[in-house]
Amino acid sequence: MAKSDDDDRRVNYRLFYPAHLRPKLSLGSETKDVLDISEWGLRFALGKGKRVAPGDRLFGTVRFRHAPSHSIIATVVRIGNHDVSARLEVGFDFRVIAEEHG
């Protein structure tokens, strides 16, 4: 049986942050709460401000409570009623996001 691409994919664990531990995402002059994060993606609160659409590229900085800030380039993949999901071009180190989680 042939091996599929799915067999080679690494499982990504998504970490959900309680409100008081949420990293912040700076997108230009706007700051958004990061709701959850994985090695290759993040979901942030939509809030007010500039609207985005699927396929838009985002350039910003994720600011953690204790770890160094992390510059990101991401592509919007999904927009919910109150949140935006984006796929990162360069992923996070899982240890960093896990340690920030609590």
PDB file of N, CA and C in Angstrom:
ATOM      1  N   MET A   1       0.847  -1.175   0.000  1.00  0.00           N
ATOM      2  CA  MET A   1       0.000   0.000   0.000  1.00  0.00           C
ATOM      3  C   MET A   1       0.892   1.238   0.000  1.00  0.00           C
ATOM      4  N   ALA A   2       0.561   2.237  -0.794  1.00  0.00           N
ATOM      5  CA  ALA A   2       1.339   3.462  -0.896  1.00  0.00           C
ATOM      6  C   ALA A   2       1.121   4.332   0.335  1.00  0.00           C
ATOM      7  N   LYS A   3       2.178   5.027   0.706  1.00  0.00           N
ATOM      8  CA  LYS A   3       2.110   5.935   1.850  1.00  0.00           C
ATOM      9  C   LYS A   3       1.514   7.262   1.393  1.00  0.00           C
ATOM     10  N   SER A   4       0.566   7.795   2.116  1.00  0.00           N
ATOM     11  CA  SER A   4      -0.064   9.064   1.741  1.00  0.00           C
ATOM     12  C   SER A   4       0.653  10.224   2.415  1.00  0.00           C
ATOM     13  N   ASP A   5       0.384  11.430   1.911  1.00  0.00           N
ATOM     14  CA  ASP A   5       0.950  12.632   2.527  1.00  0.00           C
ATOM     15  C   ASP A   5       0.491  12.779   3.963  1.00  0.00           C
ATOM     16  N   ASP A   6      -0.719  12.301   4.263  1.00  0.00           N
ATOM     17  CA  ASP A   6      -1.240  12.399   5.624  1.00  0.00           C
ATOM     18  C   ASP A   6      -0.384  11.618   6.610  1.00  0.00           C
ATOM     19  N   ASP A   7       0.251  10.539   6.142  1.00  0.00           N
ATOM     20  CA  ASP A   7       1.101   9.744   7.024  1.00  0.00           C
ATOM     21  C   ASP A   7       2.330  10.520   7.477  1.00  0.00           C
ATOM     22  N   ASP A   8       2.771  11.479   6.657  1.00  0.00           N
ATOM     23  CA  ASP A   8       3.980  12.243   6.968  1.00  0.00           C
ATOM     24  C   ASP A   8       3.689  13.497   7.784  1.00  0.00           C
ATOM     25  N   ARG A   9       2.449  13.863   7.895  1.00  0.00           N
ATOM     26  CA  ARG A   9       2.112  15.087   8.629  1.00  0.00           C
ATOM     27  C   ARG A   9       2.307  14.901  10.119  1.00  0.00           C
ATOM     28  N   ARG A  10       2.887  15.919  10.738  1.00  0.00           N
ATOM     29  CA  ARG A  10       3.070  15.901  12.176  1.00  0.00           C
ATOM     30  C   ARG A  10       1.779  16.363  12.833  1.00  0.00           C
ATOM     31  N   VAL A  11       1.419  15.750  13.912  1.00  0.00           N
ATOM     32  CA  VAL A  11       0.229  16.160  14.638  1.00  0.00           C
ATOM     33  C   VAL A  11       0.535  17.461  15.370  1.00  0.00           C
ATOM     34  N   ASN A  12      -0.346  18.441  15.226  1.00  0.00           N
ATOM     35  CA  ASN A  12      -0.181  19.720  15.904  1.00  0.00           C
ATOM     36  C   ASN A  12      -1.166  19.802  17.057  1.00  0.00           C
ATOM     37  N   TYR A  13      -0.665  20.099  18.223  1.00  0.00           N
ATOM     38  CA  TYR A  13      -1.513  20.242  19.398  1.00  0.00           C
ATOM     39  C   TYR A  13      -1.862  21.706  19.573  1.00  0.00           C
ATOM     40  N   ARG A  14      -3.132  21.972  19.729  1.00  0.00           N
ATOM     41  CA  ARG A  14      -3.606  23.336  19.908  1.00  0.00           C
ATOM     42  C   ARG A  14      -3.757  23.610  21.392  1.00  0.00           C
ATOM     43  N   LEU A  15      -3.189  24.725  21.838  1.00  0.00           N
ATOM     44  CA  LEU A  15      -3.298  25.125  23.237  1.00  0.00           C
ATOM     45  C   LEU A  15      -4.254  26.308  23.340  1.00  0.00           C
ATOM     46  N   PHE A  16      -5.263  26.155  24.174  1.00  0.00           N
ATOM     47  CA  PHE A  16      -6.248  27.206  24.409  1.00  0.00           C
ATOM     48  C   PHE A  16      -5.826  27.976  25.656  1.00  0.00           C
ATOM     49  N   TYR A  17      -5.765  29.284  25.552  1.00  0.00           N
ATOM     50  CA  TYR A  17      -5.323  30.116  26.673  1.00  0.00           C
ATOM     51  C   TYR A  17      -6.514  30.714  27.413  1.00  0.00           C
ATOM     52  N   PRO A  18      -6.517  30.630  28.755  1.00  0.00           N
ATOM     53  CA  PRO A  18      -7.534  31.360  29.505  1.00  0.00           C
ATOM     54  C   PRO A  18      -7.284  32.860  29.322  1.00  0.00           C
ATOM     55  N   ALA A  19      -8.309  33.655  29.517  1.00  0.00           N
ATOM     56  CA  ALA A  19      -8.238  35.095  29.230  1.00  0.00           C
ATOM     57  C   ALA A  19      -7.030  35.778  29.870  1.00  0.00           C
ATOM     58  N   HIS A  20      -6.706  35.443  31.092  1.00  0.00           N
ATOM     59  CA  HIS A  20      -5.622  36.148  31.790  1.00  0.00           C
ATOM     60  C   HIS A  20      -4.220  35.716  31.355  1.00  0.00           C
ATOM     61  N   LEU A  21      -4.107  34.654  30.556  1.00  0.00           N
ATOM     62  CA  LEU A  21      -2.806  34.172  30.094  1.00  0.00           C
ATOM     63  C   LEU A  21      -2.589  34.363  28.585  1.00  0.00           C
ATOM     64  N   ARG A  22      -3.533  34.969  27.916  1.00  0.00           N
ATOM     65  CA  ARG A  22      -3.466  35.055  26.455  1.00  0.00           C
ATOM     66  C   ARG A  22      -2.292  35.897  25.954  1.00  0.00           C
ATOM     67  N   PRO A  23      -1.550  35.348  25.001  1.00  0.00           N
ATOM     68  CA  PRO A  23      -0.551  36.171  24.313  1.00  0.00           C
ATOM     69  C   PRO A  23      -1.283  37.251  23.515  1.00  0.00           C
ATOM     70  N   LYS A  24      -0.558  38.272  23.123  1.00  0.00           N
ATOM     71  CA  LYS A  24      -1.114  39.369  22.326  1.00  0.00           C
ATOM     72  C   LYS A  24      -0.509  39.333  20.935  1.00  0.00           C
ATOM     73  N   LEU A  25      -1.333  39.597  19.938  1.00  0.00           N
ATOM     74  CA  LEU A  25      -0.891  39.663  18.559  1.00  0.00           C
ATOM     75  C   LEU A  25      -0.963  41.118  18.112  1.00  0.00           C
ATOM     76  N   SER A  26       0.185  41.681  17.745  1.00  0.00           N
ATOM     77  CA  SER A  26       0.230  43.045  17.223  1.00  0.00           C
ATOM     78  C   SER A  26       0.222  42.983  15.707  1.00  0.00           C
ATOM     79  N   LEU A  27      -0.753  43.631  15.122  1.00  0.00           N
ATOM     80  CA  LEU A  27      -0.874  43.734  13.659  1.00  0.00           C
ATOM     81  C   LEU A  27      -0.901  45.224  13.330  1.00  0.00           C
ATOM     82  N   GLY A  28       0.237  45.780  13.030  1.00  0.00           N
ATOM     83  CA  GLY A  28       0.316  47.225  12.804  1.00  0.00           C
ATOM     84  C   GLY A  28      -0.021  47.946  14.095  1.00  0.00           C
ATOM     85  N   SER A  29      -1.007  48.820  14.052  1.00  0.00           N
ATOM     86  CA  SER A  29      -1.393  49.589  15.240  1.00  0.00           C
ATOM     87  C   SER A  29      -2.449  48.874  16.087  1.00  0.00           C
ATOM     88  N   GLU A  30      -2.886  47.699  15.646  1.00  0.00           N
ATOM     89  CA  GLU A  30      -3.916  46.953  16.370  1.00  0.00           C
ATOM     90  C   GLU A  30      -3.309  45.834  17.209  1.00  0.00           C
ATOM     91  N   THR A  31      -3.924  45.562  18.365  1.00  0.00           N
ATOM     92  CA  THR A  31      -3.508  44.451  19.220  1.00  0.00           C
ATOM     93  C   THR A  31      -4.714  43.541  19.432  1.00  0.00           C
ATOM     94  N   LYS A  32      -4.499  42.249  19.208  1.00  0.00           N
ATOM     95  CA  LYS A  32      -5.572  41.251  19.326  1.00  0.00           C
ATOM     96  C   LYS A  32      -5.184  40.203  20.364  1.00  0.00           C
ATOM     97  N   ASP A  33      -6.172  39.621  21.037  1.00  0.00           N
ATOM     98  CA  ASP A  33      -5.936  38.499  21.951  1.00  0.00           C
ATOM     99  C   ASP A  33      -5.787  37.213  21.150  1.00  0.00           C
ATOM    100  N   VAL A  34      -4.745  36.433  21.449  1.00  0.00           N
ATOM    101  CA  VAL A  34      -4.572  35.122  20.846  1.00  0.00           C
ATOM    102  C   VAL A  34      -5.408  34.141  21.661  1.00  0.00           C
ATOM    103  N   LEU A  35      -6.369  33.485  21.034  1.00  0.00           N
ATOM    104  CA  LEU A  35      -7.280  32.574  21.726  1.00  0.00           C
ATOM    105  C   LEU A  35      -6.681  31.180  21.864  1.00  0.00           C
ATOM    106  N   ASP A  36      -6.044  30.719  20.796  1.00  0.00           N
ATOM    107  CA  ASP A  36      -5.335  29.445  20.859  1.00  0.00           C
ATOM    108  C   ASP A  36      -4.205  29.464  19.842  1.00  0.00           C
ATOM    109  N   ILE A  37      -3.289  28.540  20.044  1.00  0.00           N
ATOM    110  CA  ILE A  37      -2.083  28.537  19.232  1.00  0.00           C
ATOM    111  C   ILE A  37      -1.601  27.101  19.071  1.00  0.00           C
ATOM    112  N   SER A  38      -1.009  26.828  17.936  1.00  0.00           N
ATOM    113  CA  SER A  38      -0.354  25.536  17.706  1.00  0.00           C
ATOM    114  C   SER A  38       0.989  25.844  17.071  1.00  0.00           C
ATOM    115  N   GLU A  39       1.739  24.817  16.773  1.00  0.00           N
ATOM    116  CA  GLU A  39       3.043  25.040  16.161  1.00  0.00           C
ATOM    117  C   GLU A  39       2.937  25.751  14.816  1.00  0.00           C
ATOM    118  N   TRP A  40       1.859  25.522  14.080  1.00  0.00           N
ATOM    119  CA  TRP A  40       1.743  26.062  12.723  1.00  0.00           C
ATOM    120  C   TRP A  40       0.525  26.943  12.502  1.00  0.00           C
ATOM    121  N   GLY A  41      -0.126  27.381  13.562  1.00  0.00           N
ATOM    122  CA  GLY A  41      -1.275  28.242  13.377  1.00  0.00           C
ATOM    123  C   GLY A  41      -1.675  28.939  14.648  1.00  0.00           C
ATOM    124  N   LEU A  42      -2.561  29.892  14.491  1.00  0.00           N
ATOM    125  CA  LEU A  42      -3.111  30.584  15.655  1.00  0.00           C
ATOM    126  C   LEU A  42      -4.508  31.062  15.326  1.00  0.00           C
ATOM    127  N   ARG A  43      -5.255  31.311  16.388  1.00  0.00           N
ATOM    128  CA  ARG A  43      -6.612  31.854  16.266  1.00  0.00           C
ATOM    129  C   ARG A  43      -6.668  33.050  17.191  1.00  0.00           C
ATOM    130  N   PHE A  44      -7.147  34.178  16.674  1.00  0.00           N
ATOM    131  CA  PHE A  44      -7.196  35.384  17.492  1.00  0.00           C
ATOM    132  C   PHE A  44      -8.574  36.028  17.428  1.00  0.00           C
ATOM    133  N   ALA A  45      -8.864  36.827  18.453  1.00  0.00           N
ATOM    134  CA  ALA A  45     -10.151  37.510  18.547  1.00  0.00           C
ATOM    135  C   ALA A  45     -10.241  38.566  17.448  1.00  0.00           C
ATOM    136  N   LEU A  46     -11.367  38.601  16.779  1.00  0.00           N
ATOM    137  CA  LEU A  46     -11.562  39.536  15.681  1.00  0.00           C
ATOM    138  C   LEU A  46     -11.632  40.972  16.190  1.00  0.00           C
ATOM    139  N   GLY A  47     -12.505  41.225  17.132  1.00  0.00           N
ATOM    140  CA  GLY A  47     -12.624  42.573  17.685  1.00  0.00           C
ATOM    141  C   GLY A  47     -12.934  43.612  16.622  1.00  0.00           C
ATOM    142  N   LYS A  48     -12.650  44.862  16.960  1.00  0.00           N
ATOM    143  CA  LYS A  48     -12.864  45.967  16.027  1.00  0.00           C
ATOM    144  C   LYS A  48     -11.564  46.229  15.283  1.00  0.00           C
ATOM    145  N   GLY A  49     -11.671  46.980  14.237  1.00  0.00           N
ATOM    146  CA  GLY A  49     -10.477  47.307  13.471  1.00  0.00           C
ATOM    147  C   GLY A  49     -10.569  46.814  12.049  1.00  0.00           C
ATOM    148  N   LYS A  50      -9.420  46.742  11.414  1.00  0.00           N
ATOM    149  CA  LYS A  50      -9.333  46.339  10.011  1.00  0.00           C
ATOM    150  C   LYS A  50      -9.896  44.935   9.820  1.00  0.00           C
ATOM    151  N   ARG A  51     -10.709  44.768   8.811  1.00  0.00           N
ATOM    152  CA  ARG A  51     -11.274  43.460   8.475  1.00  0.00           C
ATOM    153  C   ARG A  51     -10.298  42.688   7.594  1.00  0.00           C
ATOM    154  N   VAL A  52     -10.315  41.396   7.746  1.00  0.00           N
ATOM    155  CA  VAL A  52      -9.474  40.523   6.928  1.00  0.00           C
ATOM    156  C   VAL A  52     -10.359  39.521   6.207  1.00  0.00           C
ATOM    157  N   ALA A  53      -9.797  38.912   5.180  1.00  0.00           N
ATOM    158  CA  ALA A  53     -10.530  37.918   4.391  1.00  0.00           C
ATOM    159  C   ALA A  53      -9.652  36.686   4.212  1.00  0.00           C
ATOM    160  N   PRO A  54     -10.257  35.527   3.990  1.00  0.00           N
ATOM    161  CA  PRO A  54      -9.450  34.331   3.717  1.00  0.00           C
ATOM    162  C   PRO A  54      -8.464  34.598   2.578  1.00  0.00           C
ATOM    163  N   GLY A  55      -7.237  34.157   2.792  1.00  0.00           N
ATOM    164  CA  GLY A  55      -6.181  34.373   1.811  1.00  0.00           C
ATOM    165  C   GLY A  55      -5.326  35.592   2.088  1.00  0.00           C
ATOM    166  N   ASP A  56      -5.802  36.519   2.930  1.00  0.00           N
ATOM    167  CA  ASP A  56      -4.995  37.693   3.283  1.00  0.00           C
ATOM    168  C   ASP A  56      -3.741  37.268   4.040  1.00  0.00           C
ATOM    169  N   ARG A  57      -2.645  37.954   3.784  1.00  0.00           N
ATOM    170  CA  ARG A  57      -1.406  37.697   4.529  1.00  0.00           C
ATOM    171  C   ARG A  57      -1.332  38.677   5.692  1.00  0.00           C
ATOM    172  N   LEU A  58      -0.896  38.164   6.818  1.00  0.00           N
ATOM    173  CA  LEU A  58      -0.746  38.965   8.028  1.00  0.00           C
ATOM    174  C   LEU A  58       0.726  39.039   8.406  1.00  0.00           C
ATOM    175  N   PHE A  59       1.156  40.206   8.803  1.00  0.00           N
ATOM    176  CA  PHE A  59       2.512  40.429   9.285  1.00  0.00           C
ATOM    177  C   PHE A  59       2.385  41.036  10.668  1.00  0.00           C
ATOM    178  N   GLY A  60       2.959  40.391  11.658  1.00  0.00           N
ATOM    179  CA  GLY A  60       2.799  40.901  13.008  1.00  0.00           C
ATOM    180  C   GLY A  60       3.774  40.289  13.982  1.00  0.00           C
ATOM    181  N   THR A  61       3.466  40.492  15.257  1.00  0.00           N
ATOM    182  CA  THR A  61       4.304  39.996  16.345  1.00  0.00           C
ATOM    183  C   THR A  61       3.419  39.421  17.433  1.00  0.00           C
ATOM    184  N   VAL A  62       3.742  38.205  17.868  1.00  0.00           N
ATOM    185  CA  VAL A  62       3.064  37.602  19.012  1.00  0.00           C
ATOM    186  C   VAL A  62       3.917  37.906  20.233  1.00  0.00           C
ATOM    187  N   ARG A  63       3.292  38.505  21.229  1.00  0.00           N
ATOM    188  CA  ARG A  63       3.982  38.859  22.470  1.00  0.00           C
ATOM    189  C   ARG A  63       3.495  37.917  23.577  1.00  0.00           C
ATOM    190  N   PHE A  64       4.418  37.099  24.053  1.00  0.00           N
ATOM    191  CA  PHE A  64       4.137  36.174  25.136  1.00  0.00           C
ATOM    192  C   PHE A  64       4.393  36.865  26.471  1.00  0.00           C
ATOM    193  N   ARG A  65       3.916  36.275  27.547  1.00  0.00           N
ATOM    194  CA  ARG A  65       4.122  36.841  28.880  1.00  0.00           C
ATOM    195  C   ARG A  65       5.582  36.727  29.304  1.00  0.00           C
ATOM    196  N   HIS A  66       6.223  35.583  29.044  1.00  0.00           N
ATOM    197  CA  HIS A  66       7.584  35.350  29.532  1.00  0.00           C
ATOM    198  C   HIS A  66       8.591  35.103  28.425  1.00  0.00           C
ATOM    199  N   ALA A  67       8.186  34.440  27.359  1.00  0.00           N
ATOM    200  CA  ALA A  67       9.105  34.115  26.265  1.00  0.00           C
ATOM    201  C   ALA A  67       9.317  35.349  25.385  1.00  0.00           C
ATOM    202  N   PRO A  68      10.392  35.342  24.622  1.00  0.00           N
ATOM    203  CA  PRO A  68      10.611  36.463  23.690  1.00  0.00           C
ATOM    204  C   PRO A  68       9.471  36.574  22.681  1.00  0.00           C
ATOM    205  N   SER A  69       9.275  37.776  22.164  1.00  0.00           N
ATOM    206  CA  SER A  69       8.276  37.999  21.117  1.00  0.00           C
ATOM    207  C   SER A  69       8.671  37.217  19.879  1.00  0.00           C
ATOM    208  N   HIS A  70       7.671  36.915  19.049  1.00  0.00           N
ATOM    209  CA  HIS A  70       7.884  36.091  17.854  1.00  0.00           C
ATOM    210  C   HIS A  70       7.225  36.781  16.660  1.00  0.00           C
ATOM    211  N   SER A  71       8.022  37.217  15.694  1.00  0.00           N
ATOM    212  CA  SER A  71       7.471  37.814  14.474  1.00  0.00           C
ATOM    213  C   SER A  71       6.799  36.726  13.657  1.00  0.00           C
ATOM    214  N   ILE A  72       5.669  37.075  13.067  1.00  0.00           N
ATOM    215  CA  ILE A  72       4.941  36.084  12.263  1.00  0.00           C
ATOM    216  C   ILE A  72       4.604  36.623  10.882  1.00  0.00           C
ATOM    217  N   ILE A  73       4.502  35.700   9.965  1.00  0.00           N
ATOM    218  CA  ILE A  73       3.860  35.914   8.665  1.00  0.00           C
ATOM    219  C   ILE A  73       2.869  34.768   8.566  1.00  0.00           C
ATOM    220  N   ALA A  74       1.610  35.104   8.321  1.00  0.00           N
ATOM    221  CA  ALA A  74       0.565  34.084   8.315  1.00  0.00           C
ATOM    222  C   ALA A  74      -0.436  34.381   7.211  1.00  0.00           C
ATOM    223  N   THR A  75      -1.202  33.369   6.874  1.00  0.00           N
ATOM    224  CA  THR A  75      -2.271  33.505   5.892  1.00  0.00           C
ATOM    225  C   THR A  75      -3.593  33.176   6.565  1.00  0.00           C
ATOM    226  N   VAL A  76      -4.573  34.054   6.401  1.00  0.00           N
ATOM    227  CA  VAL A  76      -5.907  33.830   6.968  1.00  0.00           C
ATOM    228  C   VAL A  76      -6.536  32.635   6.259  1.00  0.00           C
ATOM    229  N   VAL A  77      -6.975  31.658   7.051  1.00  0.00           N
ATOM    230  CA  VAL A  77      -7.611  30.476   6.471  1.00  0.00           C
ATOM    231  C   VAL A  77      -9.109  30.405   6.773  1.00  0.00           C
ATOM    232  N   ARG A  78      -9.534  31.055   7.848  1.00  0.00           N
ATOM    233  CA  ARG A  78     -10.945  30.961   8.221  1.00  0.00           C
ATOM    234  C   ARG A  78     -11.307  32.157   9.102  1.00  0.00           C
ATOM    235  N   ILE A  79     -12.542  32.638   8.920  1.00  0.00           N
ATOM    236  CA  ILE A  79     -13.056  33.724   9.749  1.00  0.00           C
ATOM    237  C   ILE A  79     -14.365  33.273  10.361  1.00  0.00           C
ATOM    238  N   GLY A  80     -14.430  33.310  11.690  1.00  0.00           N
ATOM    239  CA  GLY A  80     -15.653  32.969  12.399  1.00  0.00           C
ATOM    240  C   GLY A  80     -16.410  34.238  12.759  1.00  0.00           C
ATOM    241  N   ASN A  81     -17.428  34.096  13.590  1.00  0.00           N
ATOM    242  CA  ASN A  81     -18.201  35.261  14.024  1.00  0.00           C
ATOM    243  C   ASN A  81     -17.370  36.216  14.869  1.00  0.00           C
ATOM    244  N   HIS A  82     -16.450  35.661  15.662  1.00  0.00           N
ATOM    245  CA  HIS A  82     -15.682  36.495  16.587  1.00  0.00           C
ATOM    246  C   HIS A  82     -14.188  36.217  16.547  1.00  0.00           C
ATOM    247  N   ASP A  83     -13.740  35.409  15.585  1.00  0.00           N
ATOM    248  CA  ASP A  83     -12.326  35.042  15.575  1.00  0.00           C
ATOM    249  C   ASP A  83     -11.807  34.817  14.161  1.00  0.00           C
ATOM    250  N   VAL A  84     -10.469  34.797  14.058  1.00  0.00           N
ATOM    251  CA  VAL A  84      -9.784  34.573  12.792  1.00  0.00           C
ATOM    252  C   VAL A  84      -8.764  33.470  13.005  1.00  0.00           C
ATOM    253  N   SER A  85      -8.713  32.505  12.098  1.00  0.00           N
ATOM    254  CA  SER A  85      -7.712  31.439  12.131  1.00  0.00           C
ATOM    255  C   SER A  85      -6.710  31.693  11.016  1.00  0.00           C
ATOM    256  N   ALA A  86      -5.428  31.531  11.352  1.00  0.00           N
ATOM    257  CA  ALA A  86      -4.373  31.788  10.372  1.00  0.00           C
ATOM    258  C   ALA A  86      -3.310  30.707  10.448  1.00  0.00           C
ATOM    259  N   ARG A  87      -2.725  30.400   9.301  1.00  0.00           N
ATOM    260  CA  ARG A  87      -1.650  29.404   9.194  1.00  0.00           C
ATOM    261  C   ARG A  87      -0.335  30.145   9.086  1.00  0.00           C
ATOM    262  N   LEU A  88       0.631  29.748   9.919  1.00  0.00           N
ATOM    263  CA  LEU A  88       1.938  30.400   9.964  1.00  0.00           C
ATOM    264  C   LEU A  88       2.869  29.888   8.881  1.00  0.00           C
ATOM    265  N   GLU A  89       3.682  30.778   8.323  1.00  0.00           N
ATOM    266  CA  GLU A  89       4.712  30.367   7.366  1.00  0.00           C
ATOM    267  C   GLU A  89       5.907  29.764   8.096  1.00  0.00           C
ATOM    268  N   VAL A  90       6.227  30.307   9.260  1.00  0.00           N
ATOM    269  CA  VAL A  90       7.289  29.771  10.116  1.00  0.00           C
ATOM    270  C   VAL A  90       6.644  29.477  11.462  1.00  0.00           C
ATOM    271  N   GLY A  91       6.749  28.253  11.902  1.00  0.00           N
ATOM    272  CA  GLY A  91       6.028  27.835  13.102  1.00  0.00           C
ATOM    273  C   GLY A  91       6.703  28.217  14.413  1.00  0.00           C
ATOM    274  N   PHE A  92       5.975  27.969  15.485  1.00  0.00           N
ATOM    275  CA  PHE A  92       6.449  28.181  16.846  1.00  0.00           C
ATOM    276  C   PHE A  92       7.132  26.915  17.355  1.00  0.00           C
ATOM    277  N   ASP A  93       8.042  27.074  18.266  1.00  0.00           N
ATOM    278  CA  ASP A  93       8.628  25.953  19.004  1.00  0.00           C
ATOM    279  C   ASP A  93       7.576  25.504  20.017  1.00  0.00           C
ATOM    280  N   PHE A  94       7.160  24.250  19.958  1.00  0.00           N
ATOM    281  CA  PHE A  94       6.096  23.769  20.854  1.00  0.00           C
ATOM    282  C   PHE A  94       6.444  23.976  22.306  1.00  0.00           C
ATOM    283  N   ARG A  95       7.706  23.819  22.684  1.00  0.00           N
ATOM    284  CA  ARG A  95       8.099  24.007  24.100  1.00  0.00           C
ATOM    285  C   ARG A  95       7.784  25.412  24.583  1.00  0.00           C
ATOM    286  N   VAL A  96       8.016  26.395  23.731  1.00  0.00           N
ATOM    287  CA  VAL A  96       7.756  27.797  24.111  1.00  0.00           C
ATOM    288  C   VAL A  96       6.268  28.016  24.361  1.00  0.00           C
ATOM    289  N   ILE A  97       5.425  27.580  23.429  1.00  0.00           N
ATOM    290  CA  ILE A  97       3.992  27.831  23.619  1.00  0.00           C
ATOM    291  C   ILE A  97       3.422  27.017  24.767  1.00  0.00           C
ATOM    292  N   ALA A  98       3.979  25.845  25.017  1.00  0.00           N
ATOM    293  CA  ALA A  98       3.519  25.019  26.146  1.00  0.00           C
ATOM    294  C   ALA A  98       3.913  25.652  27.473  1.00  0.00           C
ATOM    295  N   GLU A  99       5.127  26.175  27.570  1.00  0.00           N
ATOM    296  CA  GLU A  99       5.573  26.822  28.813  1.00  0.00           C
ATOM    297  C   GLU A  99       4.773  28.070  29.096  1.00  0.00           C
ATOM    298  N   GLU A 100       4.414  28.814  28.057  1.00  0.00           N
ATOM    299  CA  GLU A 100       3.605  30.024  28.235  1.00  0.00           C
ATOM    300  C   GLU A 100       2.183  29.688  28.649  1.00  0.00           C
ATOM    301  N   HIS A 101       1.753  28.503  28.340  1.00  0.00           N
ATOM    302  CA  HIS A 101       0.385  28.087  28.630  1.00  0.00           C
ATOM    303  C   HIS A 101       0.131  27.978  30.126  1.00  0.00           C
ATOM    304  N   GLY A 102       1.138  27.754  30.879  1.00  0.00           N
ATOM    305  CA  GLY A 102       0.912  27.675  32.325  1.00  0.00           C
ATOM    306  C   GLY A 102       1.802  26.749  32.938  1.00  0.00           C
TER     307      GLY A 102
END
